[in-house]
Protein backbone atom coordinates (compact mmCIF):
# COMPACT_ATOMS: atom_id res chain seq x y z
CA MET A 1 -65.30 -76.06 -64.93
CA ALA A 2 -67.98 -73.91 -66.54
CA ARG A 3 -71.01 -75.53 -64.95
CA ARG A 4 -72.42 -73.76 -61.90
CA SER A 5 -74.02 -76.99 -60.71
CA SER A 6 -70.71 -78.67 -59.91
CA HIS A 7 -69.19 -77.84 -56.50
CA LEU A 8 -65.71 -77.40 -57.95
CA ALA A 9 -67.07 -75.07 -60.59
CA ARG A 10 -68.55 -72.69 -58.04
CA TYR A 11 -65.46 -71.80 -56.03
CA GLY A 12 -61.88 -70.84 -56.77
CA TRP A 13 -59.75 -72.27 -53.93
CA PRO A 14 -56.10 -71.33 -54.42
CA GLN A 15 -53.51 -71.78 -51.72
CA HIS A 16 -50.91 -69.10 -51.02
CA GLY A 17 -48.07 -68.48 -48.61
CA HIS A 18 -45.58 -71.20 -49.47
CA ILE A 19 -43.06 -71.30 -52.32
CA GLU A 20 -44.83 -69.14 -54.88
CA THR A 21 -43.81 -65.57 -55.63
CA LEU A 22 -46.12 -62.57 -55.81
CA ALA A 23 -45.85 -62.86 -59.60
CA HIS A 24 -47.15 -66.44 -59.35
CA ARG A 25 -50.11 -65.25 -57.29
CA VAL A 26 -50.98 -62.51 -59.76
CA ASP A 27 -50.72 -64.98 -62.63
CA HIS A 28 -53.04 -67.38 -60.81
CA LEU A 29 -55.56 -64.56 -60.26
CA ARG A 30 -55.26 -63.63 -63.94
CA GLN A 31 -56.01 -67.21 -64.97
CA LEU A 32 -59.03 -67.37 -62.66
CA ARG A 33 -60.27 -64.01 -63.96
CA GLU A 34 -59.95 -65.15 -67.58
CA LEU A 35 -61.70 -68.44 -66.82
CA GLN A 36 -64.51 -66.55 -65.09
CA ASP A 37 -64.82 -64.21 -68.09
CA GLU A 38 -65.15 -67.25 -70.36
CA THR A 39 -67.48 -69.36 -68.22
CA SER A 40 -69.10 -67.29 -65.44
CA GLY A 41 -68.69 -70.54 -63.52
CA PHE A 42 -67.42 -69.27 -60.15
CA THR A 43 -69.84 -67.90 -57.57
CA GLY A 44 -67.17 -67.40 -54.93
CA PHE A 45 -63.46 -67.21 -54.29
CA ILE A 46 -61.88 -68.65 -51.14
CA PRO A 47 -58.11 -68.11 -50.83
CA PHE A 48 -56.38 -70.39 -48.33
CA ALA A 49 -53.05 -69.72 -46.65
CA PHE A 50 -50.67 -72.66 -46.62
CA GLU A 51 -50.34 -74.36 -43.22
CA PRO A 52 -46.67 -75.46 -43.17
CA GLN A 53 -46.48 -76.93 -39.65
CA THR A 54 -46.85 -80.64 -40.49
CA THR A 55 -45.35 -80.68 -43.98
CA VAL A 56 -41.89 -81.09 -45.50
CA LEU A 57 -42.06 -77.31 -45.91
CA SER A 58 -42.37 -76.73 -42.16
CA HIS A 59 -39.33 -74.45 -42.32
CA ILE A 60 -41.42 -71.89 -44.22
CA LYS A 61 -43.01 -69.21 -42.07
CA ARG A 62 -46.82 -69.14 -42.09
CA ALA A 63 -48.42 -66.24 -44.01
CA SER A 64 -48.71 -63.17 -41.78
CA ALA A 65 -52.00 -61.40 -41.01
CA PHE A 66 -50.85 -58.51 -43.21
CA GLU A 67 -50.07 -60.87 -46.09
CA GLN A 68 -53.45 -62.58 -45.78
CA LEU A 69 -55.37 -59.28 -45.68
CA ARG A 70 -53.40 -57.99 -48.65
CA ASN A 71 -54.15 -61.18 -50.56
CA LEU A 72 -57.88 -60.80 -49.84
CA ALA A 73 -57.93 -57.12 -50.83
CA VAL A 74 -56.03 -57.69 -54.08
CA SER A 75 -58.27 -60.68 -54.86
CA ARG A 76 -61.39 -58.53 -54.40
CA ILE A 77 -60.06 -55.81 -56.70
CA TYR A 78 -58.65 -58.15 -59.37
CA LEU A 79 -61.49 -60.66 -59.33
CA ASP A 80 -64.33 -58.15 -59.56
CA ASN A 81 -66.00 -60.58 -61.97
CA ILE A 82 -66.49 -63.15 -59.15
CA ASP A 83 -69.40 -62.11 -56.96
CA HIS A 84 -68.25 -63.31 -53.54
CA LEU A 85 -65.01 -63.36 -51.58
CA THR A 86 -64.84 -65.63 -48.55
CA ALA A 87 -62.54 -65.31 -45.55
CA TYR A 88 -62.21 -68.86 -44.27
CA TRP A 89 -62.26 -68.14 -40.53
CA VAL A 90 -60.85 -71.59 -39.75
CA SER A 91 -57.64 -70.61 -41.50
CA LEU A 92 -57.54 -66.93 -40.56
CA GLY A 93 -58.96 -67.13 -37.06
CA LEU A 94 -62.19 -65.32 -36.26
CA PRO A 95 -60.63 -61.96 -35.23
CA LEU A 96 -58.69 -61.63 -38.52
CA ALA A 97 -61.70 -62.87 -40.51
CA GLN A 98 -63.70 -60.10 -38.86
CA VAL A 99 -61.13 -57.49 -39.95
CA SER A 100 -61.19 -58.95 -43.47
CA LEU A 101 -64.79 -57.75 -43.81
CA SER A 102 -63.20 -54.32 -44.37
CA TYR A 103 -60.87 -55.72 -47.07
CA GLY A 104 -63.47 -56.77 -49.64
CA VAL A 105 -64.73 -59.96 -48.00
CA ASP A 106 -68.49 -60.53 -47.92
CA ASP A 107 -68.60 -64.05 -46.47
CA LEU A 108 -67.10 -65.80 -43.43
CA HIS A 109 -68.02 -69.27 -44.70
CA GLY A 110 -70.19 -70.64 -41.92
CA THR A 111 -70.52 -72.50 -38.69
CA ILE A 112 -68.72 -75.69 -39.83
CA LEU A 113 -69.52 -78.65 -37.62
CA GLU A 114 -65.98 -80.00 -37.27
CA GLU A 115 -63.16 -78.87 -39.54
CA LYS A 116 -60.37 -81.42 -39.87
CA ILE A 117 -58.24 -80.64 -42.93
CA PHE A 118 -56.61 -77.42 -41.67
CA HIS A 119 -56.26 -78.84 -38.18
CA MET A 120 -54.53 -81.97 -39.45
CA ALA A 121 -52.11 -79.58 -41.16
CA GLY A 122 -51.45 -77.79 -37.87
CA ALA A 123 -54.09 -75.05 -37.57
CA THR A 124 -54.82 -74.08 -33.97
CA THR A 125 -58.04 -72.14 -34.54
CA PRO A 126 -61.37 -73.48 -33.21
CA GLN A 127 -62.92 -76.27 -35.26
CA GLN A 128 -66.43 -74.85 -35.14
CA GLN A 129 -68.38 -71.67 -34.37
CA SER A 130 -71.97 -71.08 -33.36
CA VAL A 131 -74.36 -69.05 -35.50
CA ALA A 132 -74.66 -66.57 -32.60
CA THR A 133 -70.87 -66.08 -32.47
CA LEU A 134 -70.60 -65.53 -36.21
CA GLU A 135 -73.56 -63.14 -36.23
CA HIS A 136 -72.03 -61.16 -33.33
CA THR A 137 -68.67 -61.03 -35.14
CA ILE A 138 -70.29 -59.75 -38.33
CA ARG A 139 -72.37 -57.12 -36.49
CA GLU A 140 -69.31 -55.97 -34.54
CA ALA A 141 -67.64 -55.27 -37.90
CA GLY A 142 -70.56 -53.03 -38.85
CA ARG A 143 -72.19 -55.48 -41.23
CA GLU A 144 -75.58 -57.16 -41.21
CA PRO A 145 -75.41 -60.97 -41.05
CA VAL A 146 -77.59 -62.99 -43.39
CA GLN A 147 -77.85 -66.72 -43.84
CA ARG A 148 -77.19 -68.12 -47.27
CA ASP A 149 -77.15 -71.41 -49.11
CA SER A 150 -74.23 -72.84 -51.12
CA TYR A 151 -75.21 -70.66 -54.09
CA TYR A 152 -75.07 -67.47 -51.99
CA ARG A 153 -78.85 -67.06 -52.11
CA HIS A 154 -80.13 -65.37 -48.96
CA ILE A 155 -82.49 -67.52 -46.95
CA SER A 156 -84.72 -66.90 -43.96
CA PRO A 157 -83.24 -67.50 -40.53
CA ARG A 158 -83.46 -71.06 -39.35
CA PRO A 159 -86.40 -72.00 -37.18
CA THR A 160 -85.53 -72.81 -33.58
CA SER A 161 -84.83 -76.40 -32.61
CA ALA A 162 -88.29 -76.49 -31.04
CA THR A 163 -89.86 -76.05 -34.49
CA ARG A 164 -87.53 -78.27 -36.51
CA ALA A 165 -85.74 -81.44 -35.47
CA THR A 166 -82.90 -81.26 -38.03
CA PRO A 167 -81.65 -77.79 -39.00
CA ALA A 168 -80.82 -77.16 -42.65
CA PRO A 169 -77.16 -76.44 -43.46
CA VAL A 170 -76.72 -72.69 -43.87
CA GLU A 171 -73.78 -70.31 -43.67
CA PRO A 172 -73.75 -66.76 -42.27
CA ALA A 173 -72.67 -64.13 -44.77
CA CYS A 174 -72.81 -60.32 -44.84
CA ALA A 175 -75.41 -58.18 -46.53
């Protein structure tokens, strides 16, 4: 997992909010931190809350907004050796993802054309967002939106559809 060129090597994607304890979460963060110290392989960290609705664990209550914000804040503090922390708006919902920008998050992931995994698990958030909506959300939180590539390199805004037939895949982030 040390190579930055592999997709799995660039992101830590743990899931929380099901049967693990807080001690399990801290241990998982410790392991990610140690691996990052050894390899410098992660460019971003994207914690996902468990979606219990359509699983055999459907009796478990979904992670609360407070729990998700706390998880993001602790992740930012503990994983200070990973450059970027992403709030996956599909999981959190856009309003909570916006609030998370004040809890150490510097990325809202992107427009996403049609998210299916979380929705198959029972998520009720929108499946896609426009660039304009994400930019407005970021500005409303007092941040400046920037577009980035998968390596978190800032890129110029996309040309309009009149100047390019097929837009390049980019994701809004915060500067």
